[in-house]
Amino acid sequence: MKKIEVLGPGCARCKKTAEEVRRALSSIGLAEGRDFSLEKIEKPTEIAARGVLMTPGVIVDGKIVSTGKIPTHGDIISWIE
């Protein structure tokens, strides 16, 4: 199971990023809870501890894959495949 973390203070861009991750993974037949877990990290100290300086940030299995932007559908798929 892939572990995906979306990092940000709870702003609209961060919420949109989490929605886009769910939408993209669902489009390729992956289900949350079965194929991936999605956790939203909102505490500034936890965000900084993970090395993300600009939000929204996305971490997949411990690796930072995106910071400072809402990722595209294609970006998200490429992180998983």
PDB file of N, CA and C in Angstrom:
ATOM      1  N   MET A   1       0.850  -1.175   0.000  1.00  0.00           N
ATOM      2  CA  MET A   1       0.000   0.000   0.000  1.00  0.00           C
ATOM      3  C   MET A   1       0.895   1.237   0.000  1.00  0.00           C
ATOM      4  N   LYS A   2       0.576   2.186  -0.864  1.00  0.00           N
ATOM      5  CA  LYS A   2       1.303   3.449  -0.934  1.00  0.00           C
ATOM      6  C   LYS A   2       0.840   4.359   0.200  1.00  0.00           C
ATOM      7  N   LYS A   3       1.804   5.046   0.816  1.00  0.00           N
ATOM      8  CA  LYS A   3       1.477   6.029   1.852  1.00  0.00           C
ATOM      9  C   LYS A   3       1.682   7.413   1.244  1.00  0.00           C
ATOM     10  N   ILE A   4       0.598   8.177   1.174  1.00  0.00           N
ATOM     11  CA  ILE A   4       0.638   9.510   0.577  1.00  0.00           C
ATOM     12  C   ILE A   4       0.299  10.525   1.659  1.00  0.00           C
ATOM     13  N   GLU A   5       1.137  11.561   1.749  1.00  0.00           N
ATOM     14  CA  GLU A   5       0.894  12.639   2.695  1.00  0.00           C
ATOM     15  C   GLU A   5       0.742  13.936   1.922  1.00  0.00           C
ATOM     16  N   VAL A   6      -0.302  14.691   2.225  1.00  0.00           N
ATOM     17  CA  VAL A   6      -0.498  16.018   1.649  1.00  0.00           C
ATOM     18  C   VAL A   6      -0.246  17.003   2.786  1.00  0.00           C
ATOM     19  N   LEU A   7       0.713  17.897   2.566  1.00  0.00           N
ATOM     20  CA  LEU A   7       1.138  18.818   3.610  1.00  0.00           C
ATOM     21  C   LEU A   7       0.708  20.233   3.291  1.00  0.00           C
ATOM     22  N   GLY A   8       0.107  20.887   4.284  1.00  0.00           N
ATOM     23  CA  GLY A   8      -0.322  22.269   4.136  1.00  0.00           C
ATOM     24  C   GLY A   8      -1.205  22.664   5.302  1.00  0.00           C
ATOM     25  N   PRO A   9      -1.377  23.959   5.508  1.00  0.00           N
ATOM     26  CA  PRO A   9      -2.099  24.441   6.683  1.00  0.00           C
ATOM     27  C   PRO A   9      -3.622  24.311   6.623  1.00  0.00           C
ATOM     28  N   GLY A  10      -4.140  23.625   5.649  1.00  0.00           N
ATOM     29  CA  GLY A  10      -5.592  23.479   5.533  1.00  0.00           C
ATOM     30  C   GLY A  10      -6.229  24.486   4.599  1.00  0.00           C
ATOM     31  N   CYS A  11      -5.406  25.133   3.780  1.00  0.00           N
ATOM     32  CA  CYS A  11      -5.906  26.138   2.835  1.00  0.00           C
ATOM     33  C   CYS A  11      -6.638  25.462   1.669  1.00  0.00           C
ATOM     34  N   ALA A  12      -7.279  26.258   0.849  1.00  0.00           N
ATOM     35  CA  ALA A  12      -8.032  25.739  -0.301  1.00  0.00           C
ATOM     36  C   ALA A  12      -7.124  24.977  -1.261  1.00  0.00           C
ATOM     37  N   ARG A  13      -5.906  25.460  -1.483  1.00  0.00           N
ATOM     38  CA  ARG A  13      -4.971  24.778  -2.398  1.00  0.00           C
ATOM     39  C   ARG A  13      -4.570  23.402  -1.860  1.00  0.00           C
ATOM     40  N   CYS A  14      -4.423  23.310  -0.556  1.00  0.00           N
ATOM     41  CA  CYS A  14      -4.053  22.035   0.058  1.00  0.00           C
ATOM     42  C   CYS A  14      -5.214  21.038  -0.030  1.00  0.00           C
ATOM     43  N   LYS A  15      -6.416  21.524   0.217  1.00  0.00           N
ATOM     44  CA  LYS A  15      -7.594  20.669   0.095  1.00  0.00           C
ATOM     45  C   LYS A  15      -7.778  20.204  -1.343  1.00  0.00           C
ATOM     46  N   LYS A  16      -7.551  21.098  -2.304  1.00  0.00           N
ATOM     47  CA  LYS A  16      -7.655  20.759  -3.721  1.00  0.00           C
ATOM     48  C   LYS A  16      -6.626  19.699  -4.093  1.00  0.00           C
ATOM     49  N   THR A  17      -5.419  19.814  -3.532  1.00  0.00           N
ATOM     50  CA  THR A  17      -4.373  18.823  -3.806  1.00  0.00           C
ATOM     51  C   THR A  17      -4.811  17.444  -3.331  1.00  0.00           C
ATOM     52  N   ALA A  18      -5.359  17.344  -2.127  1.00  0.00           N
ATOM     53  CA  ALA A  18      -5.838  16.058  -1.605  1.00  0.00           C
ATOM     54  C   ALA A  18      -6.948  15.498  -2.491  1.00  0.00           C
ATOM     55  N   GLU A  19      -7.862  16.361  -2.933  1.00  0.00           N
ATOM     56  CA  GLU A  19      -8.946  15.925  -3.827  1.00  0.00           C
ATOM     57  C   GLU A  19      -8.384  15.401  -5.148  1.00  0.00           C
ATOM     58  N   GLU A  20      -7.405  16.101  -5.699  1.00  0.00           N
ATOM     59  CA  GLU A  20      -6.808  15.695  -6.975  1.00  0.00           C
ATOM     60  C   GLU A  20      -6.090  14.353  -6.848  1.00  0.00           C
ATOM     61  N   VAL A  21      -5.408  14.133  -5.728  1.00  0.00           N
ATOM     62  CA  VAL A  21      -4.744  12.850  -5.506  1.00  0.00           C
ATOM     63  C   VAL A  21      -5.785  11.733  -5.489  1.00  0.00           C
ATOM     64  N   ARG A  22      -6.839  11.928  -4.722  1.00  0.00           N
ATOM     65  CA  ARG A  22      -7.891  10.900  -4.660  1.00  0.00           C
ATOM     66  C   ARG A  22      -8.510  10.650  -6.039  1.00  0.00           C
ATOM     67  N   ARG A  23      -8.803  11.723  -6.767  1.00  0.00           N
ATOM     68  CA  ARG A  23      -9.435  11.612  -8.089  1.00  0.00           C
ATOM     69  C   ARG A  23      -8.521  10.870  -9.070  1.00  0.00           C
ATOM     70  N   ALA A  24      -7.252  11.242  -9.102  1.00  0.00           N
ATOM     71  CA  ALA A  24      -6.320  10.628 -10.043  1.00  0.00           C
ATOM     72  C   ALA A  24      -6.137   9.142  -9.749  1.00  0.00           C
ATOM     73  N   LEU A  25      -5.980   8.792  -8.489  1.00  0.00           N
ATOM     74  CA  LEU A  25      -5.766   7.386  -8.153  1.00  0.00           C
ATOM     75  C   LEU A  25      -7.026   6.568  -8.381  1.00  0.00           C
ATOM     76  N   SER A  26      -8.168   7.159  -8.118  1.00  0.00           N
ATOM     77  CA  SER A  26      -9.429   6.478  -8.394  1.00  0.00           C
ATOM     78  C   SER A  26      -9.591   6.214  -9.886  1.00  0.00           C
ATOM     79  N   SER A  27      -9.115   7.146 -10.711  1.00  0.00           N
ATOM     80  CA  SER A  27      -9.253   6.998 -12.164  1.00  0.00           C
ATOM     81  C   SER A  27      -8.457   5.824 -12.716  1.00  0.00           C
ATOM     82  N   ILE A  28      -7.451   5.364 -11.978  1.00  0.00           N
ATOM     83  CA  ILE A  28      -6.687   4.196 -12.439  1.00  0.00           C
ATOM     84  C   ILE A  28      -7.030   2.948 -11.614  1.00  0.00           C
ATOM     85  N   GLY A  29      -8.157   3.022 -10.907  1.00  0.00           N
ATOM     86  CA  GLY A  29      -8.682   1.849 -10.217  1.00  0.00           C
ATOM     87  C   GLY A  29      -8.123   1.598  -8.830  1.00  0.00           C
ATOM     88  N   LEU A  30      -7.437   2.569  -8.242  1.00  0.00           N
ATOM     89  CA  LEU A  30      -6.909   2.382  -6.899  1.00  0.00           C
ATOM     90  C   LEU A  30      -7.902   2.925  -5.870  1.00  0.00           C
ATOM     91  N   ALA A  31      -8.025   2.219  -4.762  1.00  0.00           N
ATOM     92  CA  ALA A  31      -8.983   2.595  -3.728  1.00  0.00           C
ATOM     93  C   ALA A  31      -8.260   2.997  -2.450  1.00  0.00           C
ATOM     94  N   GLU A  32      -8.725   4.099  -1.864  1.00  0.00           N
ATOM     95  CA  GLU A  32      -8.172   4.543  -0.591  1.00  0.00           C
ATOM     96  C   GLU A  32      -8.507   3.508   0.477  1.00  0.00           C
ATOM     97  N   GLY A  33      -7.531   3.160   1.287  1.00  0.00           N
ATOM     98  CA  GLY A  33      -7.721   2.157   2.321  1.00  0.00           C
ATOM     99  C   GLY A  33      -7.296   0.770   1.879  1.00  0.00           C
ATOM    100  N   ARG A  34      -7.357   0.510   0.583  1.00  0.00           N
ATOM    101  CA  ARG A  34      -6.931  -0.787   0.045  1.00  0.00           C
ATOM    102  C   ARG A  34      -5.581  -0.660  -0.645  1.00  0.00           C
ATOM    103  N   ASP A  35      -5.464   0.329  -1.541  1.00  0.00           N
ATOM    104  CA  ASP A  35      -4.253   0.480  -2.338  1.00  0.00           C
ATOM    105  C   ASP A  35      -3.361   1.629  -1.874  1.00  0.00           C
ATOM    106  N   PHE A  36      -3.959   2.606  -1.214  1.00  0.00           N
ATOM    107  CA  PHE A  36      -3.180   3.735  -0.713  1.00  0.00           C
ATOM    108  C   PHE A  36      -3.844   4.339   0.511  1.00  0.00           C
ATOM    109  N   SER A  37      -3.009   4.967   1.333  1.00  0.00           N
ATOM    110  CA  SER A  37      -3.531   5.741   2.457  1.00  0.00           C
ATOM    111  C   SER A  37      -3.197   7.196   2.185  1.00  0.00           C
ATOM    112  N   LEU A  38      -4.073   8.078   2.583  1.00  0.00           N
ATOM    113  CA  LEU A  38      -3.869   9.511   2.381  1.00  0.00           C
ATOM    114  C   LEU A  38      -4.002  10.203   3.725  1.00  0.00           C
ATOM    115  N   GLU A  39      -2.942  10.902   4.105  1.00  0.00           N
ATOM    116  CA  GLU A  39      -2.949  11.627   5.369  1.00  0.00           C
ATOM    117  C   GLU A  39      -2.676  13.093   5.090  1.00  0.00           C
ATOM    118  N   LYS A  40      -3.448  13.956   5.720  1.00  0.00           N
ATOM    119  CA  LYS A  40      -3.224  15.395   5.585  1.00  0.00           C
ATOM    120  C   LYS A  40      -2.457  15.866   6.814  1.00  0.00           C
ATOM    121  N   ILE A  41      -1.317  16.495   6.578  1.00  0.00           N
ATOM    122  CA  ILE A  41      -0.462  17.014   7.635  1.00  0.00           C
ATOM    123  C   ILE A  41      -0.632  18.528   7.644  1.00  0.00           C
ATOM    124  N   GLU A  42      -1.139  19.079   8.755  1.00  0.00           N
ATOM    125  CA  GLU A  42      -1.447  20.513   8.792  1.00  0.00           C
ATOM    126  C   GLU A  42      -0.618  21.300   9.798  1.00  0.00           C
ATOM    127  N   LYS A  43       0.040  20.653  10.742  1.00  0.00           N
ATOM    128  CA  LYS A  43       0.827  21.369  11.746  1.00  0.00           C
ATOM    129  C   LYS A  43       2.131  21.865  11.133  1.00  0.00           C
ATOM    130  N   PRO A  44       2.422  23.159  11.261  1.00  0.00           N
ATOM    131  CA  PRO A  44       3.647  23.713  10.674  1.00  0.00           C
ATOM    132  C   PRO A  44       4.928  23.003  11.112  1.00  0.00           C
ATOM    133  N   THR A  45       4.984  22.573  12.358  1.00  0.00           N
ATOM    134  CA  THR A  45       6.192  21.884  12.828  1.00  0.00           C
ATOM    135  C   THR A  45       6.365  20.531  12.143  1.00  0.00           C
ATOM    136  N   GLU A  46       5.265  19.838  11.890  1.00  0.00           N
ATOM    137  CA  GLU A  46       5.337  18.545  11.206  1.00  0.00           C
ATOM    138  C   GLU A  46       5.682  18.726   9.726  1.00  0.00           C
ATOM    139  N   ILE A  47       5.155  19.783   9.120  1.00  0.00           N
ATOM    140  CA  ILE A  47       5.460  20.074   7.718  1.00  0.00           C
ATOM    141  C   ILE A  47       6.956  20.362   7.578  1.00  0.00           C
ATOM    142  N   ALA A  48       7.488  21.216   8.450  1.00  0.00           N
ATOM    143  CA  ALA A  48       8.909  21.566   8.404  1.00  0.00           C
ATOM    144  C   ALA A  48       9.786  20.355   8.698  1.00  0.00           C
ATOM    145  N   ALA A  49       9.373  19.510   9.614  1.00  0.00           N
ATOM    146  CA  ALA A  49      10.151  18.318   9.964  1.00  0.00           C
ATOM    147  C   ALA A  49      10.296  17.365   8.779  1.00  0.00           C
ATOM    148  N   ARG A  50       9.354  17.414   7.862  1.00  0.00           N
ATOM    149  CA  ARG A  50       9.415  16.550   6.678  1.00  0.00           C
ATOM    150  C   ARG A  50      10.199  17.195   5.533  1.00  0.00           C
ATOM    151  N   GLY A  51      10.662  18.420   5.731  1.00  0.00           N
ATOM    152  CA  GLY A  51      11.487  19.083   4.726  1.00  0.00           C
ATOM    153  C   GLY A  51      10.727  19.842   3.662  1.00  0.00           C
ATOM    154  N   VAL A  52       9.440  20.059   3.859  1.00  0.00           N
ATOM    155  CA  VAL A  52       8.634  20.797   2.887  1.00  0.00           C
ATOM    156  C   VAL A  52       8.632  22.273   3.281  1.00  0.00           C
ATOM    157  N   LEU A  53       9.124  23.125   2.377  1.00  0.00           N
ATOM    158  CA  LEU A  53       9.225  24.549   2.658  1.00  0.00           C
ATOM    159  C   LEU A  53       8.094  25.349   2.032  1.00  0.00           C
ATOM    160  N   MET A  54       7.473  24.830   0.978  1.00  0.00           N
ATOM    161  CA  MET A  54       6.357  25.501   0.309  1.00  0.00           C
ATOM    162  C   MET A  54       5.194  24.528   0.227  1.00  0.00           C
ATOM    163  N   THR A  55       4.008  25.026   0.543  1.00  0.00           N
ATOM    164  CA  THR A  55       2.829  24.170   0.484  1.00  0.00           C
ATOM    165  C   THR A  55       1.954  24.578  -0.696  1.00  0.00           C
ATOM    166  N   PRO A  56       1.115  23.683  -1.186  1.00  0.00           N
ATOM    167  CA  PRO A  56       0.960  22.319  -0.718  1.00  0.00           C
ATOM    168  C   PRO A  56       2.159  21.454  -1.104  1.00  0.00           C
ATOM    169  N   GLY A  57       2.399  20.477  -0.267  1.00  0.00           N
ATOM    170  CA  GLY A  57       3.447  19.509  -0.539  1.00  0.00           C
ATOM    171  C   GLY A  57       2.844  18.123  -0.592  1.00  0.00           C
ATOM    172  N   VAL A  58       3.496  17.240  -1.347  1.00  0.00           N
ATOM    173  CA  VAL A  58       3.041  15.848  -1.417  1.00  0.00           C
ATOM    174  C   VAL A  58       4.258  14.950  -1.206  1.00  0.00           C
ATOM    175  N   ILE A  59       4.084  13.973  -0.336  1.00  0.00           N
ATOM    176  CA  ILE A  59       5.117  12.973  -0.069  1.00  0.00           C
ATOM    177  C   ILE A  59       4.512  11.609  -0.362  1.00  0.00           C
ATOM    178  N   VAL A  60       5.227  10.792  -1.140  1.00  0.00           N
ATOM    179  CA  VAL A  60       4.786   9.431  -1.440  1.00  0.00           C
ATOM    180  C   VAL A  60       5.841   8.472  -0.894  1.00  0.00           C
ATOM    181  N   ASP A  61       5.425   7.615   0.006  1.00  0.00           N
ATOM    182  CA  ASP A  61       6.325   6.643   0.636  1.00  0.00           C
ATOM    183  C   ASP A  61       7.611   7.292   1.137  1.00  0.00           C
ATOM    184  N   GLY A  62       7.472   8.444   1.798  1.00  0.00           N
ATOM    185  CA  GLY A  62       8.607   9.104   2.418  1.00  0.00           C
ATOM    186  C   GLY A  62       9.436   9.997   1.517  1.00  0.00           C
ATOM    187  N   LYS A  63       9.089  10.089   0.233  1.00  0.00           N
ATOM    188  CA  LYS A  63       9.847  10.909  -0.719  1.00  0.00           C
ATOM    189  C   LYS A  63       9.012  12.122  -1.134  1.00  0.00           C
ATOM    190  N   ILE A  64       9.606  13.310  -1.020  1.00  0.00           N
ATOM    191  CA  ILE A  64       8.920  14.525  -1.462  1.00  0.00           C
ATOM    192  C   ILE A  64       8.824  14.497  -2.986  1.00  0.00           C
ATOM    193  N   VAL A  65       7.603  14.585  -3.502  1.00  0.00           N
ATOM    194  CA  VAL A  65       7.408  14.544  -4.952  1.00  0.00           C
ATOM    195  C   VAL A  65       6.887  15.865  -5.513  1.00  0.00           C
ATOM    196  N   SER A  66       6.369  16.749  -4.647  1.00  0.00           N
ATOM    197  CA  SER A  66       5.839  18.016  -5.124  1.00  0.00           C
ATOM    198  C   SER A  66       5.788  19.020  -3.980  1.00  0.00           C
ATOM    199  N   THR A  67       6.121  20.277  -4.296  1.00  0.00           N
ATOM    200  CA  THR A  67       5.966  21.355  -3.320  1.00  0.00           C
ATOM    201  C   THR A  67       5.546  22.623  -4.038  1.00  0.00           C
ATOM    202  N   GLY A  68       4.728  23.412  -3.369  1.00  0.00           N
ATOM    203  CA  GLY A  68       4.373  24.737  -3.846  1.00  0.00           C
ATOM    204  C   GLY A  68       3.394  24.828  -4.986  1.00  0.00           C
ATOM    205  N   LYS A  69       2.756  23.710  -5.369  1.00  0.00           N
ATOM    206  CA  LYS A  69       1.790  23.765  -6.473  1.00  0.00           C
ATOM    207  C   LYS A  69       0.771  22.643  -6.327  1.00  0.00           C
ATOM    208  N   ILE A  70      -0.346  22.815  -7.010  1.00  0.00           N
ATOM    209  CA  ILE A  70      -1.328  21.740  -7.097  1.00  0.00           C
ATOM    210  C   ILE A  70      -0.877  20.842  -8.244  1.00  0.00           C
ATOM    211  N   PRO A  71      -0.590  19.575  -7.956  1.00  0.00           N
ATOM    212  CA  PRO A  71      -0.081  18.688  -9.004  1.00  0.00           C
ATOM    213  C   PRO A  71      -1.137  18.359 -10.055  1.00  0.00           C
ATOM    214  N   THR A  72      -0.664  18.062 -11.260  1.00  0.00           N
ATOM    215  CA  THR A  72      -1.567  17.664 -12.337  1.00  0.00           C
ATOM    216  C   THR A  72      -1.922  16.188 -12.195  1.00  0.00           C
ATOM    217  N   HIS A  73      -2.963  15.800 -12.894  1.00  0.00           N
ATOM    218  CA  HIS A  73      -3.393  14.404 -12.933  1.00  0.00           C
ATOM    219  C   HIS A  73      -2.226  13.514 -13.374  1.00  0.00           C
ATOM    220  N   GLY A  74      -1.536  13.921 -14.420  1.00  0.00           N
ATOM    221  CA  GLY A  74      -0.411  13.144 -14.944  1.00  0.00           C
ATOM    222  C   GLY A  74       0.723  13.020 -13.946  1.00  0.00           C
ATOM    223  N   ASP A  75       1.016  14.103 -13.228  1.00  0.00           N
ATOM    224  CA  ASP A  75       2.060  14.062 -12.201  1.00  0.00           C
ATOM    225  C   ASP A  75       1.733  12.995 -11.155  1.00  0.00           C
ATOM    226  N   ILE A  76       0.516  13.041 -10.687  1.00  0.00           N
ATOM    227  CA  ILE A  76       0.097  12.124  -9.618  1.00  0.00           C
ATOM    228  C   ILE A  76       0.202  10.667 -10.068  1.00  0.00           C
ATOM    229  N   ILE A  77      -0.263  10.382 -11.261  1.00  0.00           N
ATOM    230  CA  ILE A  77      -0.193   9.022 -11.785  1.00  0.00           C
ATOM    231  C   ILE A  77       1.261   8.560 -11.889  1.00  0.00           C
ATOM    232  N   SER A  78       2.139   9.464 -12.358  1.00  0.00           N
ATOM    233  CA  SER A  78       3.542   9.079 -12.531  1.00  0.00           C
ATOM    234  C   SER A  78       4.220   8.741 -11.206  1.00  0.00           C
ATOM    235  N   TRP A  79       3.783   9.353 -10.099  1.00  0.00           N
ATOM    236  CA  TRP A  79       4.386   9.052  -8.802  1.00  0.00           C
ATOM    237  C   TRP A  79       4.039   7.647  -8.341  1.00  0.00           C
ATOM    238  N   ILE A  80       2.919   7.138  -8.796  1.00  0.00           N
ATOM    239  CA  ILE A  80       2.415   5.851  -8.320  1.00  0.00           C
ATOM    240  C   ILE A  80       2.885   4.692  -9.205  1.00  0.00           C
ATOM    241  N   GLU A  81       2.999   4.952 -10.483  1.00  0.00           N
ATOM    242  CA  GLU A  81       3.357   3.860 -11.409  1.00  0.00           C
ATOM    243  C   GLU A  81       4.845   3.636 -11.493  1.00  0.00           C
TER     244      GLU A  81
END
